[in-house]
């Protein structure tokens, strides 16, 4: 998903997602912190809409939700919708990484 964005919610404090841009390699950067003084979501991304943020730093929470805005072609699931939001344990994500299965092409990735 090079040069696009992913929608991210950390915890349940915000109703609106942060739209974090991806670079030419499809990488979106998000930093989590335990220190309120380090929180920073002021670096706006004009190409990602009203809630676009470049390299956000947000307060750590174990709940992390992600929406990529693309259809996830996974025939083993009942919903192929681009509106699908995946909720992930932040601890699990940090420990194991995540890659969604792709059955619609030859692209592969490692967590």
Protein backbone atom coordinates (compact mmCIF):
# COMPACT_ATOMS: atom_id res chain seq x y z
CA UNK A 1 0.00 0.00 0.00
CA UNK A 2 2.72 2.43 -1.04
CA UNK A 3 1.93 6.14 -0.94
CA UNK A 4 -1.49 5.62 0.66
CA UNK A 5 -2.58 5.71 4.28
CA UNK A 6 -3.93 3.48 7.04
CA UNK A 7 -6.53 4.46 9.59
CA UNK A 8 -5.48 3.75 13.18
CA UNK A 9 -7.23 4.01 16.52
CA UNK A 10 -5.18 3.50 19.69
CA UNK A 11 -7.43 2.81 22.67
CA UNK A 12 -10.96 4.16 22.85
CA UNK A 13 -10.24 7.86 23.49
CA UNK A 14 -10.83 9.06 19.92
CA UNK A 15 -13.86 8.43 17.74
CA UNK A 16 -11.97 9.52 14.62
CA UNK A 17 -9.09 7.48 13.28
CA UNK A 18 -5.67 8.94 12.66
CA UNK A 19 -4.95 8.62 8.95
CA UNK A 20 -1.24 7.77 8.86
CA UNK A 21 0.46 8.04 5.46
CA UNK A 22 2.52 5.17 4.07
CA UNK A 23 5.86 5.75 2.40
CA UNK A 24 7.01 4.43 -0.99
CA UNK A 25 7.54 1.01 0.66
CA UNK A 26 4.06 0.90 2.19
CA UNK A 27 5.27 1.59 5.74
CA UNK A 28 3.19 3.74 8.11
CA UNK A 29 4.98 4.91 11.26
CA UNK A 30 3.33 5.17 14.67
CA UNK A 31 5.12 5.53 18.00
CA UNK A 32 3.51 4.61 21.32
CA UNK A 33 4.63 6.15 24.62
CA UNK A 34 3.85 5.91 28.31
CA UNK A 35 4.75 9.60 28.82
CA UNK A 36 2.06 12.25 28.32
CA UNK A 37 4.75 14.87 27.60
CA UNK A 38 5.85 12.95 24.45
CA UNK A 39 2.39 12.70 22.84
CA UNK A 40 2.41 14.55 19.51
CA UNK A 41 -0.18 14.42 16.74
CA UNK A 42 0.45 17.93 15.39
CA UNK A 43 2.40 17.03 12.23
CA UNK A 44 -0.54 17.08 9.82
CA UNK A 45 -0.67 15.24 6.51
CA UNK A 46 -2.57 17.30 3.95
CA UNK A 47 -2.97 14.34 1.57
CA UNK A 48 -4.73 12.16 4.19
CA UNK A 49 -7.77 14.30 4.94
CA UNK A 50 -8.79 16.11 8.11
CA UNK A 51 -7.33 13.54 10.49
CA UNK A 52 -4.06 12.85 8.65
CA UNK A 53 -0.97 12.75 10.88
CA UNK A 54 2.66 12.09 9.91
CA UNK A 55 4.70 10.06 12.44
CA UNK A 56 2.22 10.41 15.32
CA UNK A 57 3.25 9.73 18.91
CA UNK A 58 0.30 8.62 21.04
CA UNK A 59 -0.31 7.31 24.53
CA UNK A 60 0.13 3.54 24.80
CA UNK A 61 -3.01 1.42 25.07
CA UNK A 62 -3.32 -2.33 24.58
CA UNK A 63 -6.17 -1.85 22.12
CA UNK A 64 -5.16 -1.03 18.56
CA UNK A 65 -7.55 -0.97 15.59
CA UNK A 66 -6.50 -0.71 11.96
CA UNK A 67 -8.36 -0.12 8.70
CA UNK A 68 -6.40 -0.04 5.45
CA UNK A 69 -9.12 1.25 3.14
CA UNK A 70 -8.58 -1.60 0.68
CA UNK A 71 -10.55 -4.78 0.17
CA UNK A 72 -8.98 -7.63 2.12
CA UNK A 73 -9.43 -10.63 -0.12
CA UNK A 74 -9.60 -13.45 2.37
CA UNK A 75 -12.11 -16.09 1.28
CA UNK A 76 -12.09 -17.78 4.70
CA UNK A 77 -13.77 -14.70 6.19
CA UNK A 78 -17.40 -13.67 5.61
CA UNK A 79 -16.67 -9.95 5.03
CA UNK A 80 -14.36 -8.75 2.25
CA UNK A 81 -15.30 -5.13 2.90
CA UNK A 82 -12.81 -2.28 2.76
CA UNK A 83 -14.66 -1.06 5.86
CA UNK A 84 -13.37 -4.04 7.86
CA UNK A 85 -11.53 -2.91 11.00
CA UNK A 86 -9.10 -5.29 12.66
CA UNK A 87 -8.63 -5.05 16.41
CA UNK A 88 -5.24 -6.20 17.60
CA UNK A 89 -3.59 -6.48 20.99
CA UNK A 90 -0.74 -3.96 20.99
CA UNK A 91 1.39 -6.34 23.08
CA UNK A 92 0.82 -9.14 20.58
CA UNK A 93 1.60 -6.83 17.65
CA UNK A 94 4.87 -5.70 19.24
CA UNK A 95 5.83 -9.28 20.07
CA UNK A 96 4.85 -11.00 16.81
CA UNK A 97 4.14 -8.39 14.14
CA UNK A 98 1.22 -8.81 11.74
CA UNK A 99 0.72 -9.54 8.07
CA UNK A 100 -2.75 -10.13 6.68
CA UNK A 101 -3.11 -13.15 4.36
CA UNK A 102 -3.23 -12.37 0.66
CA UNK A 103 -4.99 -14.85 -1.60
CA UNK A 104 -5.42 -12.43 -4.48
CA UNK A 105 -1.92 -12.26 -5.88
CA UNK A 106 1.69 -13.24 -5.46
CA UNK A 107 2.84 -10.55 -3.01
CA UNK A 108 4.16 -11.87 0.28
CA UNK A 109 5.50 -10.30 3.46
CA UNK A 110 6.84 -11.28 6.86
CA UNK A 111 5.66 -9.79 10.16
